[in-house]
Amino acid sequence: MDRWIQRATCGLPLEVENAGTLGNRRDRYAANSVIRYQRDPGFTKHHLPVVRCMADGLWERPRVECVGHECILLLNM
């Protein structure tokens, strides 16, 4: 059995306009890491404000929405 299994990591999480991520920002996140978004002042969030780094090295798509102002998901490409 191979002891050296490469574990997937994710880069920076997707950015959500009018929201930021909580905690210390890193260049790489281990699989199953969870990031929480916090709304900017003046915005109301709905839905789960967290995303997970998946085993394939990609982040889940953020589901958080803002009410009262337009929120736009910006894809890191």
PDB file of N, CA and C in Angstrom:
ATOM      1  N   MET A   1       0.837  -1.185   0.000  1.00  0.00           N
ATOM      2  CA  MET A   1       0.000   0.000   0.000  1.00  0.00           C
ATOM      3  C   MET A   1       0.880   1.246   0.000  1.00  0.00           C
ATOM      4  N   ASP A   2       0.553   2.193  -0.846  1.00  0.00           N
ATOM      5  CA  ASP A   2       1.327   3.417  -0.971  1.00  0.00           C
ATOM      6  C   ASP A   2       1.051   4.345   0.198  1.00  0.00           C
ATOM      7  N   ARG A   3       2.098   4.703   0.937  1.00  0.00           N
ATOM      8  CA  ARG A   3       1.952   5.595   2.083  1.00  0.00           C
ATOM      9  C   ARG A   3       1.879   7.056   1.663  1.00  0.00           C
ATOM     10  N   TRP A   4       2.319   7.357   0.470  1.00  0.00           N
ATOM     11  CA  TRP A   4       2.408   8.747   0.011  1.00  0.00           C
ATOM     12  C   TRP A   4       1.239   9.070  -0.902  1.00  0.00           C
ATOM     13  N   ILE A   5       0.099   9.270  -0.327  1.00  0.00           N
ATOM     14  CA  ILE A   5      -1.092   9.641  -1.082  1.00  0.00           C
ATOM     15  C   ILE A   5      -1.161  11.163  -1.112  1.00  0.00           C
ATOM     16  N   GLN A   6      -1.239  11.712  -2.318  1.00  0.00           N
ATOM     17  CA  GLN A   6      -1.343  13.158  -2.439  1.00  0.00           C
ATOM     18  C   GLN A   6      -2.766  13.591  -2.088  1.00  0.00           C
ATOM     19  N   ARG A   7      -2.881  14.513  -1.173  1.00  0.00           N
ATOM     20  CA  ARG A   7      -4.189  15.014  -0.759  1.00  0.00           C
ATOM     21  C   ARG A   7      -4.495  16.294  -1.530  1.00  0.00           C
ATOM     22  N   ALA A   8      -5.728  16.397  -1.990  1.00  0.00           N
ATOM     23  CA  ALA A   8      -6.151  17.570  -2.745  1.00  0.00           C
ATOM     24  C   ALA A   8      -6.185  18.791  -1.835  1.00  0.00           C
ATOM     25  N   THR A   9      -5.871  19.928  -2.400  1.00  0.00           N
ATOM     26  CA  THR A   9      -6.006  21.199  -1.707  1.00  0.00           C
ATOM     27  C   THR A   9      -6.717  22.181  -2.629  1.00  0.00           C
ATOM     28  N   CYS A  10      -7.338  23.175  -2.036  1.00  0.00           N
ATOM     29  CA  CYS A  10      -8.016  24.228  -2.785  1.00  0.00           C
ATOM     30  C   CYS A  10      -7.218  25.513  -2.659  1.00  0.00           C
ATOM     31  N   GLY A  11      -7.301  26.344  -3.673  1.00  0.00           N
ATOM     32  CA  GLY A  11      -6.716  27.676  -3.614  1.00  0.00           C
ATOM     33  C   GLY A  11      -7.638  28.595  -2.831  1.00  0.00           C
ATOM     34  N   LEU A  12      -7.591  29.882  -3.157  1.00  0.00           N
ATOM     35  CA  LEU A  12      -8.454  30.839  -2.465  1.00  0.00           C
ATOM     36  C   LEU A  12      -9.921  30.549  -2.762  1.00  0.00           C
ATOM     37  N   PRO A  13     -10.794  30.741  -1.779  1.00  0.00           N
ATOM     38  CA  PRO A  13     -12.218  30.508  -2.021  1.00  0.00           C
ATOM     39  C   PRO A  13     -12.784  31.550  -2.976  1.00  0.00           C
ATOM     40  N   LEU A  14     -13.916  31.226  -3.591  1.00  0.00           N
ATOM     41  CA  LEU A  14     -14.576  32.166  -4.491  1.00  0.00           C
ATOM     42  C   LEU A  14     -14.956  33.438  -3.729  1.00  0.00           C
ATOM     43  N   GLU A  15     -14.853  34.558  -4.407  1.00  0.00           N
ATOM     44  CA  GLU A  15     -15.211  35.829  -3.788  1.00  0.00           C
ATOM     45  C   GLU A  15     -16.688  36.114  -4.024  1.00  0.00           C
ATOM     46  N   VAL A  16     -17.307  36.669  -3.020  1.00  0.00           N
ATOM     47  CA  VAL A  16     -18.707  37.088  -3.111  1.00  0.00           C
ATOM     48  C   VAL A  16     -18.723  38.594  -2.882  1.00  0.00           C
ATOM     49  N   GLU A  17     -19.252  39.340  -3.861  1.00  0.00           N
ATOM     50  CA  GLU A  17     -19.310  40.791  -3.726  1.00  0.00           C
ATOM     51  C   GLU A  17     -20.180  41.145  -2.532  1.00  0.00           C
ATOM     52  N   ASN A  18     -19.755  42.136  -1.784  1.00  0.00           N
ATOM     53  CA  ASN A  18     -20.462  42.617  -0.592  1.00  0.00           C
ATOM     54  C   ASN A  18     -20.381  41.641   0.569  1.00  0.00           C
ATOM     55  N   ALA A  19     -19.390  40.775   0.543  1.00  0.00           N
ATOM     56  CA  ALA A  19     -19.136  39.846   1.650  1.00  0.00           C
ATOM     57  C   ALA A  19     -17.647  39.522   1.663  1.00  0.00           C
ATOM     58  N   GLY A  20     -17.172  39.124   2.805  1.00  0.00           N
ATOM     59  CA  GLY A  20     -15.782  38.713   2.942  1.00  0.00           C
ATOM     60  C   GLY A  20     -15.709  37.413   3.710  1.00  0.00           C
ATOM     61  N   THR A  21     -14.536  36.795   3.723  1.00  0.00           N
ATOM     62  CA  THR A  21     -14.358  35.556   4.470  1.00  0.00           C
ATOM     63  C   THR A  21     -13.843  35.876   5.871  1.00  0.00           C
ATOM     64  N   LEU A  22     -14.226  35.053   6.821  1.00  0.00           N
ATOM     65  CA  LEU A  22     -13.764  35.205   8.200  1.00  0.00           C
ATOM     66  C   LEU A  22     -12.492  34.397   8.404  1.00  0.00           C
ATOM     67  N   GLY A  23     -11.674  34.805   9.341  1.00  0.00           N
ATOM     68  CA  GLY A  23     -10.480  34.051   9.685  1.00  0.00           C
ATOM     69  C   GLY A  23      -9.267  34.468   8.873  1.00  0.00           C
ATOM     70  N   ASN A  24      -8.175  33.796   9.144  1.00  0.00           N
ATOM     71  CA  ASN A  24      -6.926  34.078   8.445  1.00  0.00           C
ATOM     72  C   ASN A  24      -6.943  33.486   7.048  1.00  0.00           C
ATOM     73  N   ARG A  25      -6.621  34.293   6.072  1.00  0.00           N
ATOM     74  CA  ARG A  25      -6.619  33.853   4.677  1.00  0.00           C
ATOM     75  C   ARG A  25      -5.308  33.113   4.398  1.00  0.00           C
ATOM     76  N   ARG A  26      -5.407  31.998   3.688  1.00  0.00           N
ATOM     77  CA  ARG A  26      -4.237  31.201   3.316  1.00  0.00           C
ATOM     78  C   ARG A  26      -4.196  31.051   1.805  1.00  0.00           C
ATOM     79  N   ASP A  27      -3.041  30.654   1.285  1.00  0.00           N
ATOM     80  CA  ASP A  27      -2.910  30.395  -0.153  1.00  0.00           C
ATOM     81  C   ASP A  27      -3.535  29.058  -0.536  1.00  0.00           C
ATOM     82  N   ARG A  28      -3.452  28.066   0.346  1.00  0.00           N
ATOM     83  CA  ARG A  28      -3.981  26.720   0.084  1.00  0.00           C
ATOM     84  C   ARG A  28      -4.765  26.259   1.299  1.00  0.00           C
ATOM     85  N   TYR A  29      -5.836  25.497   1.032  1.00  0.00           N
ATOM     86  CA  TYR A  29      -6.687  24.939   2.084  1.00  0.00           C
ATOM     87  C   TYR A  29      -6.802  23.435   1.870  1.00  0.00           C
ATOM     88  N   ALA A  30      -6.695  22.667   2.918  1.00  0.00           N
ATOM     89  CA  ALA A  30      -6.805  21.209   2.833  1.00  0.00           C
ATOM     90  C   ALA A  30      -8.242  20.811   2.487  1.00  0.00           C
ATOM     91  N   ALA A  31      -8.380  19.660   1.852  1.00  0.00           N
ATOM     92  CA  ALA A  31      -9.710  19.121   1.561  1.00  0.00           C
ATOM     93  C   ALA A  31     -10.508  19.049   2.861  1.00  0.00           C
ATOM     94  N   ASN A  32     -11.779  19.367   2.787  1.00  0.00           N
ATOM     95  CA  ASN A  32     -12.721  19.415   3.912  1.00  0.00           C
ATOM     96  C   ASN A  32     -12.603  20.667   4.772  1.00  0.00           C
ATOM     97  N   SER A  33     -11.704  21.597   4.406  1.00  0.00           N
ATOM     98  CA  SER A  33     -11.667  22.882   5.115  1.00  0.00           C
ATOM     99  C   SER A  33     -12.968  23.614   4.842  1.00  0.00           C
ATOM    100  N   VAL A  34     -13.422  24.373   5.826  1.00  0.00           N
ATOM    101  CA  VAL A  34     -14.669  25.129   5.694  1.00  0.00           C
ATOM    102  C   VAL A  34     -14.359  26.610   5.885  1.00  0.00           C
ATOM    103  N   ILE A  35     -14.909  27.427   4.993  1.00  0.00           N
ATOM    104  CA  ILE A  35     -14.759  28.879   5.054  1.00  0.00           C
ATOM    105  C   ILE A  35     -16.142  29.489   5.278  1.00  0.00           C
ATOM    106  N   ARG A  36     -16.213  30.497   6.133  1.00  0.00           N
ATOM    107  CA  ARG A  36     -17.481  31.196   6.409  1.00  0.00           C
ATOM    108  C   ARG A  36     -17.393  32.614   5.848  1.00  0.00           C
ATOM    109  N   TYR A  37     -18.456  33.016   5.161  1.00  0.00           N
ATOM    110  CA  TYR A  37     -18.567  34.373   4.642  1.00  0.00           C
ATOM    111  C   TYR A  37     -19.320  35.241   5.632  1.00  0.00           C
ATOM    112  N   GLN A  38     -18.907  36.511   5.729  1.00  0.00           N
ATOM    113  CA  GLN A  38     -19.614  37.480   6.553  1.00  0.00           C
ATOM    114  C   GLN A  38     -20.048  38.630   5.653  1.00  0.00           C
ATOM    115  N   ARG A  39     -21.293  39.009   5.766  1.00  0.00           N
ATOM    116  CA  ARG A  39     -21.825  40.084   4.937  1.00  0.00           C
ATOM    117  C   ARG A  39     -21.179  41.407   5.305  1.00  0.00           C
ATOM    118  N   ASP A  40     -21.129  42.315   4.353  1.00  0.00           N
ATOM    119  CA  ASP A  40     -20.675  43.673   4.613  1.00  0.00           C
ATOM    120  C   ASP A  40     -21.789  44.437   5.327  1.00  0.00           C
ATOM    121  N   PRO A  41     -21.450  45.499   6.059  1.00  0.00           N
ATOM    122  CA  PRO A  41     -22.477  46.309   6.718  1.00  0.00           C
ATOM    123  C   PRO A  41     -23.502  46.817   5.700  1.00  0.00           C
ATOM    124  N   GLY A  42     -24.764  46.805   6.088  1.00  0.00           N
ATOM    125  CA  GLY A  42     -25.830  47.280   5.223  1.00  0.00           C
ATOM    126  C   GLY A  42     -26.479  46.195   4.385  1.00  0.00           C
ATOM    127  N   PHE A  43     -25.957  44.984   4.444  1.00  0.00           N
ATOM    128  CA  PHE A  43     -26.499  43.862   3.685  1.00  0.00           C
ATOM    129  C   PHE A  43     -27.057  42.829   4.643  1.00  0.00           C
ATOM    130  N   THR A  44     -28.072  42.115   4.223  1.00  0.00           N
ATOM    131  CA  THR A  44     -28.658  41.032   5.005  1.00  0.00           C
ATOM    132  C   THR A  44     -28.395  39.737   4.268  1.00  0.00           C
ATOM    133  N   LYS A  45     -27.854  38.737   4.963  1.00  0.00           N
ATOM    134  CA  LYS A  45     -27.562  37.464   4.294  1.00  0.00           C
ATOM    135  C   LYS A  45     -28.671  36.456   4.525  1.00  0.00           C
ATOM    136  N   HIS A  46     -28.872  35.632   3.512  1.00  0.00           N
ATOM    137  CA  HIS A  46     -29.804  34.512   3.578  1.00  0.00           C
ATOM    138  C   HIS A  46     -29.076  33.285   3.068  1.00  0.00           C
ATOM    139  N   HIS A  47     -29.421  32.160   3.576  1.00  0.00           N
ATOM    140  CA  HIS A  47     -28.852  30.859   3.226  1.00  0.00           C
ATOM    141  C   HIS A  47     -27.524  30.638   3.943  1.00  0.00           C
ATOM    142  N   LEU A  48     -27.048  29.451   3.861  1.00  0.00           N
ATOM    143  CA  LEU A  48     -25.840  29.033   4.559  1.00  0.00           C
ATOM    144  C   LEU A  48     -24.615  29.799   4.051  1.00  0.00           C
ATOM    145  N   PRO A  49     -23.893  30.495   4.946  1.00  0.00           N
ATOM    146  CA  PRO A  49     -22.764  31.307   4.502  1.00  0.00           C
ATOM    147  C   PRO A  49     -21.424  30.573   4.534  1.00  0.00           C
ATOM    148  N   VAL A  50     -21.420  29.262   4.324  1.00  0.00           N
ATOM    149  CA  VAL A  50     -20.170  28.508   4.360  1.00  0.00           C
ATOM    150  C   VAL A  50     -19.976  27.714   3.066  1.00  0.00           C
ATOM    151  N   VAL A  51     -18.703  27.451   2.754  1.00  0.00           N
ATOM    152  CA  VAL A  51     -18.335  26.583   1.632  1.00  0.00           C
ATOM    153  C   VAL A  51     -17.252  25.632   2.116  1.00  0.00           C
ATOM    154  N   ARG A  52     -17.153  24.491   1.458  1.00  0.00           N
ATOM    155  CA  ARG A  52     -16.178  23.453   1.825  1.00  0.00           C
ATOM    156  C   ARG A  52     -15.246  23.190   0.656  1.00  0.00           C
ATOM    157  N   CYS A  53     -13.974  22.968   0.958  1.00  0.00           N
ATOM    158  CA  CYS A  53     -13.004  22.527  -0.037  1.00  0.00           C
ATOM    159  C   CYS A  53     -13.258  21.040  -0.274  1.00  0.00           C
ATOM    160  N   MET A  54     -13.612  20.697  -1.504  1.00  0.00           N
ATOM    161  CA  MET A  54     -13.972  19.313  -1.820  1.00  0.00           C
ATOM    162  C   MET A  54     -12.730  18.482  -2.159  1.00  0.00           C
ATOM    163  N   ALA A  55     -12.878  17.185  -2.155  1.00  0.00           N
ATOM    164  CA  ALA A  55     -11.768  16.255  -2.385  1.00  0.00           C
ATOM    165  C   ALA A  55     -11.136  16.410  -3.767  1.00  0.00           C
ATOM    166  N   ASP A  56     -11.866  17.012  -4.716  1.00  0.00           N
ATOM    167  CA  ASP A  56     -11.307  17.209  -6.061  1.00  0.00           C
ATOM    168  C   ASP A  56     -10.509  18.507  -6.182  1.00  0.00           C
ATOM    169  N   GLY A  57     -10.355  19.246  -5.062  1.00  0.00           N
ATOM    170  CA  GLY A  57      -9.567  20.470  -5.071  1.00  0.00           C
ATOM    171  C   GLY A  57     -10.348  21.703  -5.488  1.00  0.00           C
ATOM    172  N   LEU A  58     -11.661  21.605  -5.577  1.00  0.00           N
ATOM    173  CA  LEU A  58     -12.513  22.740  -5.928  1.00  0.00           C
ATOM    174  C   LEU A  58     -13.394  23.108  -4.744  1.00  0.00           C
ATOM    175  N   TRP A  59     -13.745  24.385  -4.657  1.00  0.00           N
ATOM    176  CA  TRP A  59     -14.653  24.837  -3.612  1.00  0.00           C
ATOM    177  C   TRP A  59     -16.092  24.590  -4.016  1.00  0.00           C
ATOM    178  N   GLU A  60     -16.943  24.313  -3.034  1.00  0.00           N
ATOM    179  CA  GLU A  60     -18.379  24.323  -3.289  1.00  0.00           C
ATOM    180  C   GLU A  60     -18.757  25.736  -3.726  1.00  0.00           C
ATOM    181  N   ARG A  61     -19.818  25.846  -4.495  1.00  0.00           N
ATOM    182  CA  ARG A  61     -20.299  27.161  -4.914  1.00  0.00           C
ATOM    183  C   ARG A  61     -21.021  27.817  -3.741  1.00  0.00           C
ATOM    184  N   PRO A  62     -20.666  29.071  -3.406  1.00  0.00           N
ATOM    185  CA  PRO A  62     -21.349  29.746  -2.305  1.00  0.00           C
ATOM    186  C   PRO A  62     -22.842  29.886  -2.582  1.00  0.00           C
ATOM    187  N   ARG A  63     -23.660  29.692  -1.562  1.00  0.00           N
ATOM    188  CA  ARG A  63     -25.112  29.799  -1.681  1.00  0.00           C
ATOM    189  C   ARG A  63     -25.635  31.080  -1.017  1.00  0.00           C
ATOM    190  N   VAL A  64     -24.784  31.781  -0.300  1.00  0.00           N
ATOM    191  CA  VAL A  64     -25.205  32.966   0.439  1.00  0.00           C
ATOM    192  C   VAL A  64     -25.768  34.008  -0.529  1.00  0.00           C
ATOM    193  N   GLU A  65     -26.861  34.648  -0.115  1.00  0.00           N
ATOM    194  CA  GLU A  65     -27.505  35.697  -0.899  1.00  0.00           C
ATOM    195  C   GLU A  65     -27.659  36.940  -0.040  1.00  0.00           C
ATOM    196  N   CYS A  66     -27.695  38.100  -0.700  1.00  0.00           N
ATOM    197  CA  CYS A  66     -27.919  39.352   0.011  1.00  0.00           C
ATOM    198  C   CYS A  66     -29.271  39.908  -0.365  1.00  0.00           C
ATOM    199  N   VAL A  67     -29.927  40.524   0.601  1.00  0.00           N
ATOM    200  CA  VAL A  67     -31.226  41.159   0.375  1.00  0.00           C
ATOM    201  C   VAL A  67     -31.038  42.657   0.576  1.00  0.00           C
ATOM    202  N   GLY A  68     -31.642  43.444  -0.280  1.00  0.00           N
ATOM    203  CA  GLY A  68     -31.557  44.887  -0.176  1.00  0.00           C
ATOM    204  C   GLY A  68     -30.510  45.482  -1.100  1.00  0.00           C
ATOM    205  N   HIS A  69     -29.561  44.689  -1.496  1.00  0.00           N
ATOM    206  CA  HIS A  69     -28.514  45.086  -2.434  1.00  0.00           C
ATOM    207  C   HIS A  69     -28.223  43.870  -3.302  1.00  0.00           C
ATOM    208  N   GLU A  70     -27.642  44.093  -4.448  1.00  0.00           N
ATOM    209  CA  GLU A  70     -27.319  42.996  -5.357  1.00  0.00           C
ATOM    210  C   GLU A  70     -26.010  42.352  -4.941  1.00  0.00           C
ATOM    211  N   CYS A  71     -26.013  41.050  -4.821  1.00  0.00           N
ATOM    212  CA  CYS A  71     -24.788  40.285  -4.565  1.00  0.00           C
ATOM    213  C   CYS A  71     -24.427  39.529  -5.832  1.00  0.00           C
ATOM    214  N   ILE A  72     -23.177  39.556  -6.209  1.00  0.00           N
ATOM    215  CA  ILE A  72     -22.724  38.890  -7.420  1.00  0.00           C
ATOM    216  C   ILE A  72     -21.581  37.954  -7.050  1.00  0.00           C
ATOM    217  N   LEU A  73     -21.678  36.717  -7.504  1.00  0.00           N
ATOM    218  CA  LEU A  73     -20.608  35.756  -7.297  1.00  0.00           C
ATOM    219  C   LEU A  73     -19.534  36.019  -8.341  1.00  0.00           C
ATOM    220  N   LEU A  74     -18.304  36.229  -7.916  1.00  0.00           N
ATOM    221  CA  LEU A  74     -17.200  36.451  -8.836  1.00  0.00           C
ATOM    222  C   LEU A  74     -16.382  35.171  -8.908  1.00  0.00           C
ATOM    223  N   LEU A  75     -16.286  34.580 -10.092  1.00  0.00           N
ATOM    224  CA  LEU A  75     -15.528  33.348 -10.251  1.00  0.00           C
ATOM    225  C   LEU A  75     -14.059  33.675 -10.438  1.00  0.00           C
ATOM    226  N   ASN A  76     -13.194  32.999  -9.701  1.00  0.00           N
ATOM    227  CA  ASN A  76     -11.739  33.151  -9.874  1.00  0.00           C
ATOM    228  C   ASN A  76     -11.320  32.320 -11.062  1.00  0.00           C
ATOM    229  N   MET A  77     -11.073  32.955 -12.171  1.00  0.00           N
ATOM    230  CA  MET A  77     -10.656  32.222 -13.376  1.00  0.00           C
ATOM    231  C   MET A  77      -9.333  32.765 -13.836  1.00  0.00           C
TER     232      MET A  77
END
